[in-house]
Structures are given as structure tokens and as C-alpha cells.
Amino acid sequence: MATAIDYVLADQKRADSCLLFWELWALAAHDEQAAAVMTDFYATYVNTVADIICEIRPRLPRLRAQKAGALVASLLEGASLFRGFGKARRGYLSGFDQNLRDLVRTIIEQA
């Protein structure tokens, strides 16, 4: 899971990734086709994270892994609004990435 988190956090520092997703989120608010694509994308995202969680906790029921996956995906995606490309590096974000990793670990442990 740590590798996947580090990948997402590194990707959020890239202009093309952040700008693309911010634009897609805005477009999806007004366009049904874009919204459907985003819904499918995030369903795949959540299920991929759930797969990783199930590898870590193989006895965890699938539904709980999916709920935890949705929490993790929400946390990671929302982080781009604070730490993504072009965002000001505020003092209160010191240690943010490690705190985020710790929260993901807690979500998985408590799922």
C-alpha cells in the first residue's frame, strides 16, 4: 500500500495530472457523459484499493474493504486540493504526507 500511496502523492505534484483531474471534476458537474466516466473511474479506483486492502487483510469482508477503499481514495484525491501541483506550501501542511500515510494505515487496520 505504501508504494501506491507514494505514487499518488508524487503524481499530485505533476501539472498534467492535477490539472486534468480538476478539469474533469468540473466538467463532470455539468456533463452526464463526463460524470459517467468519472463514476466508472472511481469505482475502479475504489475496487483496486479494496484489492490491495484484501491482500493486507485477507479475512476482511469485501464490502468492508470497499468502504475502506472509498475512504482511502477520498483522502488521497482530496489531498490534491491542498498539496497538489501549484498549491501554496502552507506551514500547517508540514508533515502532511506522513500524516496521510498514517491515516491510511489506520483506516486499513480499523476496517
N, C-alpha and C. Protein backbone atom coordinates (compact mmCIF):
# COMPACT_ATOMS: atom_id res chain seq x y z
N MET A 1 0.83 -1.19 0.00
CA MET A 1 0.00 0.00 0.00
C MET A 1 0.87 1.25 0.00
N ALA A 2 1.99 1.20 0.70
CA ALA A 2 2.86 2.37 0.79
C ALA A 2 3.33 2.82 -0.59
N THR A 3 3.66 1.88 -1.45
CA THR A 3 4.11 2.23 -2.80
C THR A 3 3.00 2.92 -3.58
N ALA A 4 1.78 2.42 -3.46
CA ALA A 4 0.64 3.03 -4.15
C ALA A 4 0.39 4.45 -3.65
N ILE A 5 0.46 4.64 -2.35
CA ILE A 5 0.26 5.97 -1.77
C ILE A 5 1.35 6.92 -2.27
N ASP A 6 2.59 6.47 -2.22
CA ASP A 6 3.69 7.31 -2.68
C ASP A 6 3.54 7.67 -4.15
N TYR A 7 3.03 6.74 -4.95
CA TYR A 7 2.80 7.02 -6.37
C TYR A 7 1.77 8.14 -6.54
N VAL A 8 0.64 8.03 -5.82
CA VAL A 8 -0.41 9.04 -5.93
C VAL A 8 0.11 10.40 -5.46
N LEU A 9 0.82 10.42 -4.34
CA LEU A 9 1.34 11.69 -3.82
C LEU A 9 2.33 12.32 -4.78
N ALA A 10 3.18 11.52 -5.38
CA ALA A 10 4.14 12.04 -6.36
C ALA A 10 3.41 12.54 -7.61
N ASP A 11 2.41 11.80 -8.03
CA ASP A 11 1.63 12.18 -9.22
C ASP A 11 0.91 13.51 -9.01
N GLN A 12 0.50 13.78 -7.79
CA GLN A 12 -0.19 15.03 -7.50
C GLN A 12 0.69 16.25 -7.65
N LYS A 13 1.96 16.07 -7.72
CA LYS A 13 2.87 17.19 -7.91
C LYS A 13 3.09 17.52 -9.39
N ARG A 14 2.51 16.68 -10.27
CA ARG A 14 2.65 16.88 -11.71
C ARG A 14 1.50 17.74 -12.21
N ALA A 15 1.81 18.74 -13.00
CA ALA A 15 0.80 19.65 -13.53
C ALA A 15 -0.24 18.91 -14.35
N ASP A 16 0.21 18.03 -15.24
CA ASP A 16 -0.73 17.38 -16.14
C ASP A 16 -1.76 16.53 -15.39
N SER A 17 -1.34 15.85 -14.35
CA SER A 17 -2.29 15.02 -13.58
C SER A 17 -3.29 15.87 -12.82
N CYS A 18 -2.80 16.82 -12.04
CA CYS A 18 -3.71 17.64 -11.24
C CYS A 18 -4.66 18.43 -12.12
N LEU A 19 -4.12 19.11 -13.11
CA LEU A 19 -4.97 19.94 -13.95
C LEU A 19 -6.01 19.11 -14.68
N LEU A 20 -5.62 17.93 -15.15
CA LEU A 20 -6.57 17.06 -15.83
C LEU A 20 -7.72 16.67 -14.91
N PHE A 21 -7.39 16.20 -13.70
CA PHE A 21 -8.46 15.76 -12.81
C PHE A 21 -9.31 16.92 -12.30
N TRP A 22 -8.71 18.06 -12.02
CA TRP A 22 -9.51 19.21 -11.60
C TRP A 22 -10.48 19.61 -12.70
N GLU A 23 -10.02 19.57 -13.95
CA GLU A 23 -10.91 19.89 -15.08
C GLU A 23 -12.00 18.84 -15.26
N LEU A 24 -11.62 17.58 -15.10
CA LEU A 24 -12.62 16.51 -15.23
C LEU A 24 -13.68 16.61 -14.15
N TRP A 25 -13.28 16.92 -12.93
CA TRP A 25 -14.26 17.07 -11.85
C TRP A 25 -15.24 18.20 -12.19
N ALA A 26 -14.70 19.31 -12.69
CA ALA A 26 -15.56 20.44 -13.05
C ALA A 26 -16.48 20.06 -14.21
N LEU A 27 -15.94 19.42 -15.22
CA LEU A 27 -16.75 19.02 -16.37
C LEU A 27 -17.84 18.03 -15.96
N ALA A 28 -17.50 17.09 -15.09
CA ALA A 28 -18.46 16.08 -14.65
C ALA A 28 -19.65 16.70 -13.92
N ALA A 29 -19.46 17.86 -13.35
CA ALA A 29 -20.56 18.54 -12.66
C ALA A 29 -21.62 19.05 -13.64
N HIS A 30 -21.25 19.15 -14.93
CA HIS A 30 -22.17 19.72 -15.91
C HIS A 30 -22.43 18.82 -17.11
N ASP A 31 -21.74 17.72 -17.22
CA ASP A 31 -21.84 16.87 -18.39
C ASP A 31 -22.08 15.42 -17.96
N GLU A 32 -23.19 14.84 -18.39
CA GLU A 32 -23.56 13.49 -17.96
C GLU A 32 -22.56 12.44 -18.41
N GLN A 33 -22.03 12.57 -19.61
CA GLN A 33 -21.06 11.59 -20.10
C GLN A 33 -19.77 11.66 -19.28
N ALA A 34 -19.32 12.85 -19.00
CA ALA A 34 -18.12 13.00 -18.18
C ALA A 34 -18.37 12.45 -16.79
N ALA A 35 -19.54 12.71 -16.24
CA ALA A 35 -19.88 12.20 -14.91
C ALA A 35 -19.89 10.67 -14.91
N ALA A 36 -20.41 10.06 -15.96
CA ALA A 36 -20.43 8.60 -16.05
C ALA A 36 -19.01 8.03 -16.12
N VAL A 37 -18.15 8.68 -16.89
CA VAL A 37 -16.76 8.25 -17.00
C VAL A 37 -16.08 8.36 -15.64
N MET A 38 -16.30 9.46 -14.95
CA MET A 38 -15.68 9.65 -13.64
C MET A 38 -16.22 8.64 -12.62
N THR A 39 -17.52 8.36 -12.69
CA THR A 39 -18.11 7.36 -11.79
C THR A 39 -17.47 6.01 -12.01
N ASP A 40 -17.29 5.62 -13.27
CA ASP A 40 -16.64 4.34 -13.58
C ASP A 40 -15.19 4.34 -13.13
N PHE A 41 -14.48 5.45 -13.38
CA PHE A 41 -13.09 5.55 -12.97
C PHE A 41 -12.96 5.36 -11.46
N TYR A 42 -13.79 6.06 -10.68
CA TYR A 42 -13.67 5.97 -9.23
C TYR A 42 -14.14 4.63 -8.69
N ALA A 43 -15.08 3.98 -9.37
CA ALA A 43 -15.48 2.63 -8.96
C ALA A 43 -14.29 1.68 -9.13
N THR A 44 -13.57 1.82 -10.24
CA THR A 44 -12.37 1.01 -10.47
C THR A 44 -11.30 1.33 -9.44
N TYR A 45 -11.12 2.61 -9.17
CA TYR A 45 -10.13 3.07 -8.19
C TYR A 45 -10.42 2.45 -6.83
N VAL A 46 -11.67 2.57 -6.37
CA VAL A 46 -12.05 2.03 -5.06
C VAL A 46 -11.84 0.52 -5.03
N ASN A 47 -12.22 -0.17 -6.09
CA ASN A 47 -12.05 -1.62 -6.11
C ASN A 47 -10.59 -2.03 -6.16
N THR A 48 -9.76 -1.25 -6.82
CA THR A 48 -8.33 -1.54 -6.84
C THR A 48 -7.73 -1.36 -5.45
N VAL A 49 -8.12 -0.28 -4.77
CA VAL A 49 -7.65 -0.07 -3.40
C VAL A 49 -8.19 -1.19 -2.49
N ALA A 50 -9.43 -1.58 -2.70
CA ALA A 50 -10.01 -2.69 -1.92
C ALA A 50 -9.23 -3.99 -2.14
N ASP A 51 -8.80 -4.22 -3.38
CA ASP A 51 -7.98 -5.41 -3.66
C ASP A 51 -6.69 -5.39 -2.85
N ILE A 52 -6.06 -4.22 -2.80
CA ILE A 52 -4.81 -4.10 -2.03
C ILE A 52 -5.09 -4.32 -0.55
N ILE A 53 -6.19 -3.75 -0.07
CA ILE A 53 -6.56 -3.92 1.34
C ILE A 53 -6.81 -5.40 1.64
N CYS A 54 -7.47 -6.10 0.73
CA CYS A 54 -7.73 -7.53 0.93
C CYS A 54 -6.44 -8.35 0.93
N GLU A 55 -5.42 -7.89 0.22
CA GLU A 55 -4.12 -8.57 0.28
C GLU A 55 -3.49 -8.38 1.66
N ILE A 56 -3.69 -7.20 2.24
CA ILE A 56 -3.14 -6.89 3.56
C ILE A 56 -3.95 -7.59 4.64
N ARG A 57 -5.27 -7.60 4.46
CA ARG A 57 -6.18 -8.21 5.45
C ARG A 57 -7.09 -9.21 4.74
N PRO A 58 -6.58 -10.39 4.44
CA PRO A 58 -7.31 -11.35 3.61
C PRO A 58 -8.65 -11.83 4.18
N ARG A 59 -8.84 -11.74 5.46
CA ARG A 59 -10.12 -12.19 6.05
C ARG A 59 -11.18 -11.09 6.11
N LEU A 60 -10.81 -9.90 5.68
CA LEU A 60 -11.74 -8.78 5.72
C LEU A 60 -12.82 -8.99 4.66
N PRO A 61 -14.10 -8.85 5.05
CA PRO A 61 -15.17 -8.98 4.05
C PRO A 61 -15.01 -7.93 2.94
N ARG A 62 -15.37 -8.32 1.73
CA ARG A 62 -15.18 -7.45 0.57
C ARG A 62 -15.85 -6.09 0.75
N LEU A 63 -17.06 -6.07 1.26
CA LEU A 63 -17.79 -4.81 1.43
C LEU A 63 -17.03 -3.86 2.36
N ARG A 64 -16.47 -4.39 3.44
CA ARG A 64 -15.68 -3.55 4.35
C ARG A 64 -14.41 -3.05 3.68
N ALA A 65 -13.80 -3.90 2.86
CA ALA A 65 -12.60 -3.48 2.12
C ALA A 65 -12.97 -2.37 1.13
N GLN A 66 -14.12 -2.48 0.49
CA GLN A 66 -14.56 -1.44 -0.45
C GLN A 66 -14.85 -0.13 0.28
N LYS A 67 -15.48 -0.21 1.44
CA LYS A 67 -15.73 1.01 2.21
C LYS A 67 -14.42 1.66 2.62
N ALA A 68 -13.48 0.85 3.09
CA ALA A 68 -12.17 1.38 3.44
C ALA A 68 -11.48 1.94 2.19
N GLY A 69 -11.64 1.27 1.06
CA GLY A 69 -11.07 1.75 -0.20
C GLY A 69 -11.64 3.10 -0.60
N ALA A 70 -12.94 3.29 -0.38
CA ALA A 70 -13.56 4.58 -0.68
C ALA A 70 -13.01 5.67 0.24
N LEU A 71 -12.80 5.34 1.49
CA LEU A 71 -12.22 6.31 2.43
C LEU A 71 -10.81 6.69 2.01
N VAL A 72 -10.01 5.69 1.66
CA VAL A 72 -8.63 5.94 1.25
C VAL A 72 -8.60 6.77 -0.03
N ALA A 73 -9.41 6.38 -1.02
CA ALA A 73 -9.44 7.13 -2.29
C ALA A 73 -9.88 8.57 -2.06
N SER A 74 -10.87 8.77 -1.22
CA SER A 74 -11.34 10.13 -0.92
C SER A 74 -10.25 10.96 -0.26
N LEU A 75 -9.57 10.35 0.66
CA LEU A 75 -8.49 11.04 1.37
C LEU A 75 -7.36 11.42 0.41
N LEU A 76 -6.96 10.48 -0.41
CA LEU A 76 -5.87 10.74 -1.35
C LEU A 76 -6.27 11.77 -2.41
N GLU A 77 -7.46 11.63 -2.97
CA GLU A 77 -7.90 12.56 -4.00
C GLU A 77 -8.09 13.96 -3.44
N GLY A 78 -8.70 14.05 -2.28
CA GLY A 78 -8.91 15.35 -1.65
C GLY A 78 -7.60 16.04 -1.29
N ALA A 79 -6.58 15.26 -1.02
CA ALA A 79 -5.28 15.83 -0.67
C ALA A 79 -4.73 16.70 -1.79
N SER A 80 -5.09 16.38 -3.04
CA SER A 80 -4.57 17.17 -4.17
C SER A 80 -5.02 18.62 -4.10
N LEU A 81 -6.13 18.87 -3.45
CA LEU A 81 -6.63 20.25 -3.33
C LEU A 81 -5.76 21.09 -2.40
N PHE A 82 -5.01 20.43 -1.54
CA PHE A 82 -4.17 21.14 -0.58
C PHE A 82 -2.68 21.06 -0.94
N ARG A 83 -2.25 19.95 -1.54
CA ARG A 83 -0.83 19.73 -1.75
C ARG A 83 -0.48 19.47 -3.20
N GLY A 84 -1.47 19.55 -4.09
CA GLY A 84 -1.23 19.25 -5.49
C GLY A 84 -0.42 20.32 -6.20
N PHE A 85 -0.20 20.10 -7.49
CA PHE A 85 0.58 20.99 -8.32
C PHE A 85 0.12 22.44 -8.16
N GLY A 86 1.08 23.32 -7.95
CA GLY A 86 0.80 24.75 -7.92
C GLY A 86 0.20 25.27 -6.63
N LYS A 87 -0.07 24.39 -5.68
CA LYS A 87 -0.67 24.83 -4.42
C LYS A 87 0.42 25.38 -3.50
N ALA A 88 0.07 26.43 -2.77
CA ALA A 88 0.99 27.03 -1.82
C ALA A 88 1.36 26.00 -0.75
N ARG A 89 2.59 26.00 -0.36
CA ARG A 89 3.06 25.09 0.67
C ARG A 89 2.90 25.77 2.03
N ARG A 90 1.75 25.60 2.61
CA ARG A 90 1.41 26.22 3.89
C ARG A 90 2.14 25.53 5.04
N GLY A 91 2.45 26.30 6.07
CA GLY A 91 3.13 25.76 7.23
C GLY A 91 2.35 24.65 7.91
N TYR A 92 1.03 24.75 7.91
CA TYR A 92 0.23 23.72 8.57
C TYR A 92 0.25 22.40 7.81
N LEU A 93 0.83 22.38 6.62
CA LEU A 93 0.94 21.13 5.88
C LEU A 93 2.27 20.42 6.13
N SER A 94 3.08 20.96 7.02
CA SER A 94 4.33 20.31 7.37
C SER A 94 4.02 18.91 7.91
N GLY A 95 4.65 17.90 7.34
CA GLY A 95 4.41 16.52 7.77
C GLY A 95 3.12 15.92 7.25
N PHE A 96 2.43 16.64 6.37
CA PHE A 96 1.13 16.21 5.87
C PHE A 96 1.18 14.84 5.22
N ASP A 97 2.18 14.62 4.36
CA ASP A 97 2.25 13.35 3.64
C ASP A 97 2.38 12.17 4.61
N GLN A 98 3.21 12.32 5.62
CA GLN A 98 3.35 11.23 6.59
C GLN A 98 2.07 11.05 7.39
N ASN A 99 1.42 12.14 7.77
CA ASN A 99 0.14 12.04 8.47
C ASN A 99 -0.89 11.31 7.61
N LEU A 100 -0.88 11.61 6.33
CA LEU A 100 -1.81 10.96 5.41
C LEU A 100 -1.52 9.45 5.34
N ARG A 101 -0.25 9.09 5.23
CA ARG A 101 0.12 7.67 5.23
C ARG A 101 -0.35 6.99 6.51
N ASP A 102 -0.17 7.66 7.65
CA ASP A 102 -0.59 7.10 8.94
C ASP A 102 -2.10 6.91 8.99
N LEU A 103 -2.85 7.87 8.46
CA LEU A 103 -4.32 7.75 8.42
C LEU A 103 -4.76 6.58 7.56
N VAL A 104 -4.12 6.41 6.42
CA VAL A 104 -4.47 5.28 5.56
C VAL A 104 -4.21 3.97 6.29
N ARG A 105 -3.08 3.88 6.95
CA ARG A 105 -2.77 2.67 7.72
C ARG A 105 -3.84 2.43 8.80
N THR A 106 -4.27 3.49 9.46
CA THR A 106 -5.31 3.36 10.49
C THR A 106 -6.64 2.92 9.88
N ILE A 107 -6.99 3.48 8.75
CA ILE A 107 -8.23 3.08 8.06
C ILE A 107 -8.20 1.59 7.75
N ILE A 108 -7.08 1.12 7.25
CA ILE A 108 -6.96 -0.29 6.89
C ILE A 108 -7.01 -1.16 8.14
N GLU A 109 -6.34 -0.76 9.19
CA GLU A 109 -6.32 -1.54 10.43
C GLU A 109 -7.69 -1.61 11.08
N GLN A 110 -8.47 -0.54 10.96
CA GLN A 110 -9.77 -0.48 11.63
C GLN A 110 -10.95 -0.87 10.75
N ALA A 111 -10.67 -1.22 9.52
CA ALA A 111 -11.76 -1.58 8.58
C ALA A 111 -12.50 -2.81 9.05
